Amino acid sequence: MLGGEKLALRQQLNEARQQLLQQAEYCTEMGAAACTILWGVSSSEEVVKAILAGDKALKFFNITGQTMESFVKSLDGDVKELDSDENQFVFALAGIVTSLQNVPAFLCVGISVVAGGGWLFELQERSSGTVWTLALWSGLLEDVAAVACGREFLVTSSRVLLDTILQLLGDLKPGQCTRLKVLMLMSLYNVSINLKGLKYISESPGFIPLLWWLLSDPDAEVCLHVLRLVQSVVLEPEVFSKAASEFRSSLPLQRIRAMSESRNSHLQTAARELLEDLRALEHDA
C-alpha cells in the first residue's frame, strides 16, 4: 500500500472516531435531557401506571442497572463533574427508579361507613407509625390499591436491578458519588415498604454488613437514608427476627449514638428514633 493511501485511511479512521465520539456525546446529552424530564413527571401516579403498563418497562430497568454499573466502574476512584451530562443521565435514571415507587405504604387499622356511600379509613404508615384519616368513595378505591404498583413491579419483575443497586452501594467508597448513593438508598427504602421487597433485600448476602459500611460515609444525607433503611428492618418483626443475631452482634451503636447528637437535625432525629426502637426491642425481648 502506498504512503498516500495509508495517510488517507488514517484520516478516514480519525474522522470515524470523531463521529463516534460526537454521536456518543449527543446520545448522552439527549439521554440526560429525556430522563430528567421523565424523572420530573414520574412522581405522578398516573404516569407510573402508564410506564409500568407498557411492554418496555422491564427493558428500561435492565438498561438502567447496566448504565449505573458502567458509570460506577468508570469512576476509578474519582468523582466526575457534578454538572456533566453523563452524571445527570445516570442520576436521572436512578431518580426515575426512586420516583416510580415513592408513594407511602399504609396499613388499614380501621374502617367505618360515612354518609354518601363512602368509607372512613384510618391508615397507618408502616414505616413511621403515623396514623392518617381519609374519607374515600368507591371511585377512588382503585387508585388506593394501585399506589404500590411501582414497588411491586421491581420486587417481582426486576430483582436484577435491586441486586445491582446493592452491589454498587458496596462498590462506591465513603464520600464518593454521594448523590447517586442517596438516590439508590431512597430506592431501596421505598422497596422496603413492600414486605416482599424488604424480605428480598434483607436476605441478600452481606446486606447487614453493607448497612454498617454505609454508615461510615462522611455525608450526612447518605447516613440519614441508611438509618431509615435500618429502621425499616427493625420495625418489621418477621424480617428482623431472621437477622437479629447478626444485627445485634455487629451493630455500630457508638456511631449511631454520635449521629443522635449531630448538628444535622434530620440525621439527629432519625438516629434518636432508631435508638428508641432498639431500646423497645430489648425491652420486649
C-alpha atoms as a PDB file:
ATOM      1  CA  MET A   1       0.000   0.000   0.000  1.00  0.00           C
ATOM      2  CA  LEU A   2       1.369   3.398  -0.976  1.00  0.00           C
ATOM      3  CA  GLY A   3       2.095   6.063   1.593  1.00  0.00           C
ATOM      4  CA  GLY A   4      -0.673   8.282   0.246  1.00  0.00           C
ATOM      5  CA  GLU A   5      -3.247   5.502   0.664  1.00  0.00           C
ATOM      6  CA  LYS A   6      -2.119   4.846   4.227  1.00  0.00           C
ATOM      7  CA  LEU A   7      -2.438   8.529   5.057  1.00  0.00           C
ATOM      8  CA  ALA A   8      -5.937   8.640   3.541  1.00  0.00           C
ATOM      9  CA  LEU A   9      -7.045   5.569   5.527  1.00  0.00           C
ATOM     10  CA  ARG A  10      -5.644   7.028   8.727  1.00  0.00           C
ATOM     11  CA  GLN A  11      -7.529  10.250   8.098  1.00  0.00           C
ATOM     12  CA  GLN A  12     -10.753   8.309   7.465  1.00  0.00           C
ATOM     13  CA  LEU A  13     -10.217   6.359  10.687  1.00  0.00           C
ATOM     14  CA  ASN A  14      -9.710   9.543  12.687  1.00  0.00           C
ATOM     15  CA  GLU A  15     -12.841  11.053  11.146  1.00  0.00           C
ATOM     16  CA  ALA A  16     -14.831   7.911  12.013  1.00  0.00           C
ATOM     17  CA  ARG A  17     -13.580   8.070  15.605  1.00  0.00           C
ATOM     18  CA  GLN A  18     -14.547  11.717  15.844  1.00  0.00           C
ATOM     19  CA  GLN A  19     -18.013  10.962  14.502  1.00  0.00           C
ATOM     20  CA  LEU A  20     -18.474   8.159  17.044  1.00  0.00           C
ATOM     21  CA  LEU A  21     -17.380  10.487  19.833  1.00  0.00           C
ATOM     22  CA  GLN A  22     -19.838  13.152  18.676  1.00  0.00           C
ATOM     23  CA  GLN A  23     -22.633  10.573  18.450  1.00  0.00           C
ATOM     24  CA  ALA A  24     -21.832   9.312  21.955  1.00  0.00           C
ATOM     25  CA  GLU A  25     -21.871  12.861  23.329  1.00  0.00           C
ATOM     26  CA  TYR A  26     -25.163  13.560  21.561  1.00  0.00           C
ATOM     27  CA  CYS A  27     -26.745  10.363  22.909  1.00  0.00           C
ATOM     28  CA  THR A  28     -25.567  11.176  26.426  1.00  0.00           C
ATOM     29  CA  GLU A  29     -26.915  14.725  26.177  1.00  0.00           C
ATOM     30  CA  MET A  30     -30.220  13.510  24.749  1.00  0.00           C
ATOM     31  CA  GLY A  31     -30.468  10.750  27.372  1.00  0.00           C
ATOM     32  CA  ALA A  32     -29.784  13.227  30.169  1.00  0.00           C
ATOM     33  CA  ALA A  33     -32.475  15.611  28.907  1.00  0.00           C
ATOM     34  CA  ALA A  34     -35.089  12.914  28.255  1.00  0.00           C
ATOM     35  CA  CYS A  35     -34.536  11.106  31.561  1.00  0.00           C
ATOM     36  CA  THR A  36     -34.546  14.363  33.523  1.00  0.00           C
ATOM     37  CA  ILE A  37     -37.950  15.187  32.032  1.00  0.00           C
ATOM     38  CA  LEU A  38     -39.212  11.661  32.757  1.00  0.00           C
ATOM     39  CA  TRP A  39     -37.885  11.905  36.306  1.00  0.00           C
ATOM     40  CA  GLY A  40     -39.885  15.085  36.795  1.00  0.00           C
ATOM     41  CA  VAL A  41     -43.197  13.578  35.677  1.00  0.00           C
ATOM     42  CA  SER A  42     -42.672  10.148  37.267  1.00  0.00           C
ATOM     43  CA  SER A  43     -43.890  11.496  40.606  1.00  0.00           C
ATOM     44  CA  SER A  44     -47.394  11.320  39.117  1.00  0.00           C
ATOM     45  CA  GLU A  45     -49.205   8.095  39.925  1.00  0.00           C
ATOM     46  CA  GLU A  46     -50.903   8.046  36.542  1.00  0.00           C
ATOM     47  CA  VAL A  47     -47.548   8.344  34.789  1.00  0.00           C
ATOM     48  CA  VAL A  48     -46.188   5.465  36.876  1.00  0.00           C
ATOM     49  CA  LYS A  49     -49.134   3.287  35.872  1.00  0.00           C
ATOM     50  CA  ALA A  50     -48.657   4.167  32.201  1.00  0.00           C
ATOM     51  CA  ILE A  51     -44.914   3.394  32.317  1.00  0.00           C
ATOM     52  CA  LEU A  52     -45.379   0.040  34.006  1.00  0.00           C
ATOM     53  CA  ALA A  53     -48.280  -0.924  31.732  1.00  0.00           C
ATOM     54  CA  GLY A  54     -46.070  -0.677  28.646  1.00  0.00           C
ATOM     55  CA  ASP A  55     -44.026  -3.546  27.261  1.00  0.00           C
ATOM     56  CA  LYS A  56     -40.703  -1.704  27.623  1.00  0.00           C
ATOM     57  CA  ALA A  57     -40.666  -1.219  31.399  1.00  0.00           C
ATOM     58  CA  LEU A  58     -38.549  -4.275  32.177  1.00  0.00           C
ATOM     59  CA  LYS A  59     -36.077  -3.426  29.414  1.00  0.00           C
ATOM     60  CA  PHE A  60     -35.834   0.117  30.771  1.00  0.00           C
ATOM     61  CA  PHE A  61     -34.984  -1.142  34.258  1.00  0.00           C
ATOM     62  CA  ASN A  62     -32.394  -3.547  32.837  1.00  0.00           C
ATOM     63  CA  ILE A  63     -30.750  -0.731  30.885  1.00  0.00           C
ATOM     64  CA  THR A  64     -30.844   1.454  33.997  1.00  0.00           C
ATOM     65  CA  GLY A  65     -28.950  -1.147  36.020  1.00  0.00           C
ATOM     66  CA  GLN A  66     -26.371  -1.673  33.273  1.00  0.00           C
ATOM     67  CA  THR A  67     -25.851   2.073  32.837  1.00  0.00           C
ATOM     68  CA  MET A  68     -25.366   2.722  36.557  1.00  0.00           C
ATOM     69  CA  GLU A  69     -22.957  -0.206  36.802  1.00  0.00           C
ATOM     70  CA  SER A  70     -20.880   1.042  33.854  1.00  0.00           C
ATOM     71  CA  PHE A  71     -20.831   4.544  35.320  1.00  0.00           C
ATOM     72  CA  VAL A  72     -19.574   3.383  38.720  1.00  0.00           C
ATOM     73  CA  LYS A  73     -16.898   1.173  37.137  1.00  0.00           C
ATOM     74  CA  SER A  74     -15.671   4.140  35.095  1.00  0.00           C
ATOM     75  CA  LEU A  75     -15.100   6.316  38.167  1.00  0.00           C
ATOM     76  CA  ASP A  76     -11.715   4.754  39.046  1.00  0.00           C
ATOM     77  CA  GLY A  77     -11.823   6.350  42.462  1.00  0.00           C
ATOM     78  CA  ASP A  78     -12.560   9.814  41.114  1.00  0.00           C
ATOM     79  CA  VAL A  79     -15.824  11.720  41.308  1.00  0.00           C
ATOM     80  CA  LYS A  80     -16.750  13.153  37.929  1.00  0.00           C
ATOM     81  CA  GLU A  81     -18.018  16.674  37.359  1.00  0.00           C
ATOM     82  CA  LEU A  82     -21.394  17.084  39.009  1.00  0.00           C
ATOM     83  CA  ASP A  83     -22.764  19.134  36.124  1.00  0.00           C
ATOM     84  CA  SER A  84     -21.763  16.755  33.338  1.00  0.00           C
ATOM     85  CA  ASP A  85     -24.364  15.258  31.022  1.00  0.00           C
ATOM     86  CA  GLU A  86     -23.130  11.783  31.931  1.00  0.00           C
ATOM     87  CA  ASN A  87     -23.719  12.402  35.630  1.00  0.00           C
ATOM     88  CA  GLN A  88     -27.142  13.897  35.015  1.00  0.00           C
ATOM     89  CA  PHE A  89     -28.097  10.958  32.795  1.00  0.00           C
ATOM     90  CA  VAL A  90     -27.209   8.412  35.485  1.00  0.00           C
ATOM     91  CA  PHE A  91     -28.724  10.442  38.326  1.00  0.00           C
ATOM     92  CA  ALA A  92     -31.957  10.878  36.383  1.00  0.00           C
ATOM     93  CA  LEU A  93     -32.175   7.128  35.732  1.00  0.00           C
ATOM     94  CA  ALA A  94     -31.693   6.422  39.435  1.00  0.00           C
ATOM     95  CA  GLY A  95     -34.205   9.157  40.263  1.00  0.00           C
ATOM     96  CA  ILE A  96     -36.834   7.627  37.995  1.00  0.00           C
ATOM     97  CA  VAL A  97     -36.472   4.267  39.742  1.00  0.00           C
ATOM     98  CA  THR A  98     -36.924   6.025  43.088  1.00  0.00           C
ATOM     99  CA  SER A  99     -39.921   8.077  41.956  1.00  0.00           C
ATOM    100  CA  LEU A 100     -41.722   5.072  40.486  1.00  0.00           C
ATOM    101  CA  GLN A 101     -42.072   3.669  43.996  1.00  0.00           C
ATOM    102  CA  ASN A 102     -42.260   6.874  46.004  1.00  0.00           C
ATOM    103  CA  VAL A 103     -45.776   6.607  47.424  1.00  0.00           C
ATOM    104  CA  PRO A 104     -46.211   5.867  51.151  1.00  0.00           C
ATOM    105  CA  ALA A 105     -47.475   2.402  52.060  1.00  0.00           C
ATOM    106  CA  PHE A 106     -50.173   2.141  54.675  1.00  0.00           C
ATOM    107  CA  LEU A 107     -51.788  -0.445  56.853  1.00  0.00           C
ATOM    108  CA  CYS A 108     -55.554  -0.110  57.272  1.00  0.00           C
ATOM    109  CA  VAL A 109     -56.217  -0.095  61.023  1.00  0.00           C
ATOM    110  CA  GLY A 110     -59.866   0.924  60.981  1.00  0.00           C
ATOM    111  CA  ILE A 111     -62.837   1.295  58.624  1.00  0.00           C
ATOM    112  CA  SER A 112     -66.237   2.818  59.220  1.00  0.00           C
ATOM    113  CA  VAL A 113     -69.137   3.812  56.943  1.00  0.00           C
ATOM    114  CA  VAL A 114     -69.860   7.508  56.373  1.00  0.00           C
ATOM    115  CA  ALA A 115     -72.737   9.321  54.716  1.00  0.00           C
ATOM    116  CA  GLY A 116     -72.825   9.455  50.937  1.00  0.00           C
ATOM    117  CA  GLY A 117     -71.843   5.866  50.287  1.00  0.00           C
ATOM    118  CA  GLY A 118     -68.258   6.256  51.371  1.00  0.00           C
ATOM    119  CA  TRP A 119     -65.866   4.896  53.985  1.00  0.00           C
ATOM    120  CA  LEU A 120     -63.708   6.462  56.667  1.00  0.00           C
ATOM    121  CA  PHE A 121     -60.300   4.817  56.663  1.00  0.00           C
ATOM    122  CA  GLU A 122     -57.700   5.016  59.405  1.00  0.00           C
ATOM    123  CA  LEU A 123     -54.400   4.325  57.662  1.00  0.00           C
ATOM    124  CA  GLN A 124     -51.127   3.788  59.477  1.00  0.00           C
ATOM    125  CA  GLU A 125     -47.905   4.413  57.560  1.00  0.00           C
ATOM    126  CA  ARG A 126     -45.912   1.219  58.074  1.00  0.00           C
ATOM    127  CA  SER A 127     -42.523   2.876  58.217  1.00  0.00           C
ATOM    128  CA  SER A 128     -43.315   5.623  60.733  1.00  0.00           C
ATOM    129  CA  GLY A 129     -46.457   4.503  62.557  1.00  0.00           C
ATOM    130  CA  THR A 130     -48.197   7.797  61.729  1.00  0.00           C
ATOM    131  CA  VAL A 131     -51.990   7.401  61.513  1.00  0.00           C
ATOM    132  CA  TRP A 132     -53.910   9.263  58.826  1.00  0.00           C
ATOM    133  CA  THR A 133     -57.692   9.506  58.466  1.00  0.00           C
ATOM    134  CA  LEU A 134     -59.143   9.608  54.945  1.00  0.00           C
ATOM    135  CA  ALA A 135     -62.689   9.651  53.654  1.00  0.00           C
ATOM    136  CA  LEU A 136     -62.833   7.763  50.349  1.00  0.00           C
ATOM    137  CA  TRP A 137     -65.610   6.955  47.926  1.00  0.00           C
ATOM    138  CA  SER A 138     -65.798   3.886  45.736  1.00  0.00           C
ATOM    139  CA  GLY A 139     -64.440   5.646  42.615  1.00  0.00           C
ATOM    140  CA  LEU A 140     -61.138   6.284  44.439  1.00  0.00           C
ATOM    141  CA  LEU A 141     -60.553   2.801  45.788  1.00  0.00           C
ATOM    142  CA  GLU A 142     -58.820   1.636  42.616  1.00  0.00           C
ATOM    143  CA  ASP A 143     -56.242   4.406  42.984  1.00  0.00           C
ATOM    144  CA  VAL A 144     -55.615   3.496  46.629  1.00  0.00           C
ATOM    145  CA  ALA A 145     -54.995  -0.114  45.652  1.00  0.00           C
ATOM    146  CA  ALA A 146     -52.596   0.899  42.898  1.00  0.00           C
ATOM    147  CA  VAL A 147     -50.231   3.193  44.814  1.00  0.00           C
ATOM    148  CA  ALA A 148     -47.697   0.396  45.405  1.00  0.00           C
ATOM    149  CA  CYS A 149     -47.529  -0.748  41.781  1.00  0.00           C
ATOM    150  CA  GLY A 150     -44.003   0.571  41.241  1.00  0.00           C
ATOM    151  CA  ARG A 151     -42.603  -1.216  44.272  1.00  0.00           C
ATOM    152  CA  GLU A 152     -44.427  -4.409  43.364  1.00  0.00           C
ATOM    153  CA  PHE A 153     -43.037  -4.327  39.822  1.00  0.00           C
ATOM    154  CA  LEU A 154     -39.454  -4.008  40.997  1.00  0.00           C
ATOM    155  CA  VAL A 155     -39.840  -6.732  43.604  1.00  0.00           C
ATOM    156  CA  THR A 156     -41.478  -9.234  41.275  1.00  0.00           C
ATOM    157  CA  SER A 157     -40.039  -8.424  37.853  1.00  0.00           C
ATOM    158  CA  SER A 158     -36.789  -6.509  38.244  1.00  0.00           C
ATOM    159  CA  ARG A 159     -34.805  -8.077  41.054  1.00  0.00           C
ATOM    160  CA  VAL A 160     -31.661  -7.886  38.940  1.00  0.00           C
ATOM    161  CA  LEU A 161     -31.828  -4.103  39.300  1.00  0.00           C
ATOM    162  CA  LEU A 162     -32.153  -4.425  43.086  1.00  0.00           C
ATOM    163  CA  ASP A 163     -29.108  -6.722  43.125  1.00  0.00           C
ATOM    164  CA  THR A 164     -27.184  -4.181  41.048  1.00  0.00           C
ATOM    165  CA  ILE A 165     -28.081  -1.341  43.409  1.00  0.00           C
ATOM    166  CA  LEU A 166     -26.900  -3.345  46.428  1.00  0.00           C
ATOM    167  CA  GLN A 167     -23.671  -4.209  44.636  1.00  0.00           C
ATOM    168  CA  LEU A 168     -22.967  -0.619  43.587  1.00  0.00           C
ATOM    169  CA  LEU A 169     -23.566   0.724  47.091  1.00  0.00           C
ATOM    170  CA  GLY A 170     -20.818  -1.615  48.248  1.00  0.00           C
ATOM    171  CA  ASP A 171     -18.503  -0.673  45.372  1.00  0.00           C
ATOM    172  CA  LEU A 172     -18.637   3.081  45.973  1.00  0.00           C
ATOM    173  CA  LYS A 173     -16.153   4.357  48.546  1.00  0.00           C
ATOM    174  CA  PRO A 174     -17.149   6.546  51.518  1.00  0.00           C
ATOM    175  CA  GLY A 175     -17.672  10.094  50.313  1.00  0.00           C
ATOM    176  CA  GLN A 176     -17.751   9.047  46.662  1.00  0.00           C
ATOM    177  CA  CYS A 177     -20.648   9.969  44.378  1.00  0.00           C
ATOM    178  CA  THR A 178     -22.953  10.733  47.307  1.00  0.00           C
ATOM    179  CA  ARG A 179     -25.873  11.953  45.200  1.00  0.00           C
ATOM    180  CA  LEU A 180     -26.106   8.622  43.408  1.00  0.00           C
ATOM    181  CA  LYS A 181     -25.790   6.788  46.734  1.00  0.00           C
ATOM    182  CA  VAL A 182     -28.673   8.777  48.188  1.00  0.00           C
ATOM    183  CA  LEU A 183     -30.901   8.039  45.210  1.00  0.00           C
ATOM    184  CA  MET A 184     -30.125   4.319  45.377  1.00  0.00           C
ATOM    185  CA  LEU A 185     -30.718   4.237  49.139  1.00  0.00           C
ATOM    186  CA  MET A 186     -34.038   6.049  48.684  1.00  0.00           C
ATOM    187  CA  SER A 187     -34.985   3.433  46.115  1.00  0.00           C
ATOM    188  CA  LEU A 188     -34.123   0.584  48.490  1.00  0.00           C
ATOM    189  CA  TYR A 189     -36.093   2.252  51.270  1.00  0.00           C
ATOM    190  CA  ASN A 190     -39.117   2.513  49.009  1.00  0.00           C
ATOM    191  CA  VAL A 191     -38.714  -1.170  48.122  1.00  0.00           C
ATOM    192  CA  SER A 192     -38.537  -1.988  51.844  1.00  0.00           C
ATOM    193  CA  ILE A 193     -42.043  -0.583  52.335  1.00  0.00           C
ATOM    194  CA  ASN A 194     -43.220  -3.625  50.370  1.00  0.00           C
ATOM    195  CA  LEU A 195     -42.904  -6.631  52.708  1.00  0.00           C
ATOM    196  CA  LYS A 196     -41.754  -8.916  49.895  1.00  0.00           C
ATOM    197  CA  GLY A 197     -39.229  -6.277  48.898  1.00  0.00           C
ATOM    198  CA  LEU A 198     -37.917  -5.918  52.441  1.00  0.00           C
ATOM    199  CA  LYS A 199     -37.553  -9.680  52.747  1.00  0.00           C
ATOM    200  CA  TYR A 200     -35.687  -9.868  49.459  1.00  0.00           C
ATOM    201  CA  ILE A 201     -33.117  -7.162  50.126  1.00  0.00           C
ATOM    202  CA  SER A 202     -32.628  -8.133  53.787  1.00  0.00           C
ATOM    203  CA  GLU A 203     -31.880 -11.726  52.772  1.00  0.00           C
ATOM    204  CA  SER A 204     -29.333 -10.643  50.155  1.00  0.00           C
ATOM    205  CA  PRO A 205     -25.803 -11.814  51.066  1.00  0.00           C
ATOM    206  CA  GLY A 206     -23.905  -9.179  53.006  1.00  0.00           C
ATOM    207  CA  PHE A 207     -26.876  -6.855  53.497  1.00  0.00           C
ATOM    208  CA  ILE A 208     -26.301  -6.116  57.207  1.00  0.00           C
ATOM    209  CA  PRO A 209     -22.531  -5.510  56.799  1.00  0.00           C
ATOM    210  CA  LEU A 210     -23.361  -3.246  53.848  1.00  0.00           C
ATOM    211  CA  LEU A 211     -25.592  -1.093  56.059  1.00  0.00           C
ATOM    212  CA  TRP A 212     -22.848  -0.658  58.654  1.00  0.00           C
ATOM    213  CA  TRP A 213     -20.290   0.057  55.905  1.00  0.00           C
ATOM    214  CA  LEU A 214     -22.523   2.794  54.526  1.00  0.00           C
ATOM    215  CA  LEU A 215     -22.924   4.333  57.980  1.00  0.00           C
ATOM    216  CA  SER A 216     -19.203   5.135  57.835  1.00  0.00           C
ATOM    217  CA  ASP A 217     -19.857   7.566  54.971  1.00  0.00           C
ATOM    218  CA  PRO A 218     -18.967  11.166  55.869  1.00  0.00           C
ATOM    219  CA  ASP A 219     -22.052  12.504  54.070  1.00  0.00           C
ATOM    220  CA  ALA A 220     -24.951  13.198  56.445  1.00  0.00           C
ATOM    221  CA  GLU A 221     -27.650  12.568  53.834  1.00  0.00           C
ATOM    222  CA  VAL A 222     -26.218   9.156  52.973  1.00  0.00           C
ATOM    223  CA  CYS A 223     -26.225   8.217  56.657  1.00  0.00           C
ATOM    224  CA  LEU A 224     -29.770   9.548  57.061  1.00  0.00           C
ATOM    225  CA  HIS A 225     -31.129   7.251  54.372  1.00  0.00           C
ATOM    226  CA  VAL A 226     -29.153   4.295  55.726  1.00  0.00           C
ATOM    227  CA  LEU A 227     -30.755   4.849  59.129  1.00  0.00           C
ATOM    228  CA  ARG A 228     -34.203   4.906  57.546  1.00  0.00           C
ATOM    229  CA  LEU A 229     -33.479   1.628  55.807  1.00  0.00           C
ATOM    230  CA  VAL A 230     -32.208   0.129  59.065  1.00  0.00           C
ATOM    231  CA  GLN A 231     -35.370   1.323  60.798  1.00  0.00           C
ATOM    232  CA  SER A 232     -37.470  -0.348  58.136  1.00  0.00           C
ATOM    233  CA  VAL A 233     -35.777  -3.660  59.009  1.00  0.00           C
ATOM    234  CA  VAL A 234     -36.131  -3.115  62.765  1.00  0.00           C
ATOM    235  CA  LEU A 235     -39.844  -2.282  62.573  1.00  0.00           C
ATOM    236  CA  GLU A 236     -40.807  -5.432  60.680  1.00  0.00           C
ATOM    237  CA  PRO A 237     -40.795  -8.300  63.234  1.00  0.00           C
ATOM    238  CA  GLU A 238     -40.895 -11.096  60.666  1.00  0.00           C
ATOM    239  CA  VAL A 239     -37.810  -9.736  58.915  1.00  0.00           C
ATOM    240  CA  PHE A 240     -35.901  -8.583  61.985  1.00  0.00           C
ATOM    241  CA  SER A 241     -36.258 -11.926  63.754  1.00  0.00           C
ATOM    242  CA  LYS A 242     -34.235 -13.601  60.995  1.00  0.00           C
ATOM    243  CA  ALA A 243     -31.466 -11.004  61.059  1.00  0.00           C
ATOM    244  CA  ALA A 244     -31.496 -10.236  64.794  1.00  0.00           C
ATOM    245  CA  SER A 245     -28.391 -12.220  65.747  1.00  0.00           C
ATOM    246  CA  GLU A 246     -26.155 -10.748  63.019  1.00  0.00           C
ATOM    247  CA  PHE A 247     -27.741  -7.339  63.534  1.00  0.00           C
ATOM    248  CA  ARG A 248     -27.064  -7.161  67.271  1.00  0.00           C
ATOM    249  CA  SER A 249     -23.572  -8.660  67.109  1.00  0.00           C
ATOM    250  CA  SER A 250     -22.298  -6.100  64.606  1.00  0.00           C
ATOM    251  CA  LEU A 251     -24.446  -3.040  65.373  1.00  0.00           C
ATOM    252  CA  PRO A 252     -22.250   0.144  65.314  1.00  0.00           C
ATOM    253  CA  LEU A 253     -24.019   1.553  68.362  1.00  0.00           C
ATOM    254  CA  GLN A 254     -21.442   4.241  69.123  1.00  0.00           C
ATOM    255  CA  ARG A 255     -21.680   5.556  65.574  1.00  0.00           C
ATOM    256  CA  ILE A 256     -25.474   5.779  65.811  1.00  0.00           C
ATOM    257  CA  ARG A 257     -25.260   7.480  69.209  1.00  0.00           C
ATOM    258  CA  ALA A 258     -22.858  10.024  67.748  1.00  0.00           C
ATOM    259  CA  MET A 259     -25.374  10.699  64.953  1.00  0.00           C
ATOM    260  CA  SER A 260     -28.080  11.275  67.570  1.00  0.00           C
ATOM    261  CA  GLU A 261     -26.053  14.321  68.657  1.00  0.00           C
ATOM    262  CA  SER A 262     -25.444  15.544  65.102  1.00  0.00           C
ATOM    263  CA  ARG A 263     -25.944  19.195  64.190  1.00  0.00           C
ATOM    264  CA  ASN A 264     -27.963  17.951  61.221  1.00  0.00           C
ATOM    265  CA  SER A 265     -31.474  17.921  62.667  1.00  0.00           C
ATOM    266  CA  HIS A 266     -32.816  15.287  60.255  1.00  0.00           C
ATOM    267  CA  LEU A 267     -29.924  12.906  60.958  1.00  0.00           C
ATOM    268  CA  GLN A 268     -30.220  13.551  64.684  1.00  0.00           C
ATOM    269  CA  THR A 269     -33.954  12.769  64.668  1.00  0.00           C
ATOM    270  CA  ALA A 270     -33.552   9.588  62.624  1.00  0.00           C
ATOM    271  CA  ALA A 271     -30.761   8.315  64.881  1.00  0.00           C
ATOM    272  CA  ARG A 272     -32.737   9.032  68.054  1.00  0.00           C
ATOM    273  CA  GLU A 273     -35.829   7.307  66.654  1.00  0.00           C
ATOM    274  CA  LEU A 274     -33.758   4.248  65.759  1.00  0.00           C
ATOM    275  CA  LEU A 275     -32.203   4.142  69.233  1.00  0.00           C
ATOM    276  CA  GLU A 276     -35.684   4.309  70.763  1.00  0.00           C
ATOM    277  CA  ASP A 277     -36.845   1.462  68.512  1.00  0.00           C
ATOM    278  CA  LEU A 278     -33.820  -0.616  69.533  1.00  0.00           C
ATOM    279  CA  ARG A 279     -34.471   0.032  73.229  1.00  0.00           C
ATOM    280  CA  ALA A 280     -38.094  -1.036  72.752  1.00  0.00           C
ATOM    281  CA  LEU A 281     -36.942  -4.267  71.117  1.00  0.00           C
ATOM    282  CA  GLU A 282     -34.580  -5.011  74.004  1.00  0.00           C
ATOM    283  CA  HIS A 283     -37.380  -4.323  76.492  1.00  0.00           C
ATOM    284  CA  ASP A 284     -39.765  -6.643  74.660  1.00  0.00           C
ATOM    285  CA  ALA A 285     -37.127  -9.348  74.487  1.00  0.00           C
END
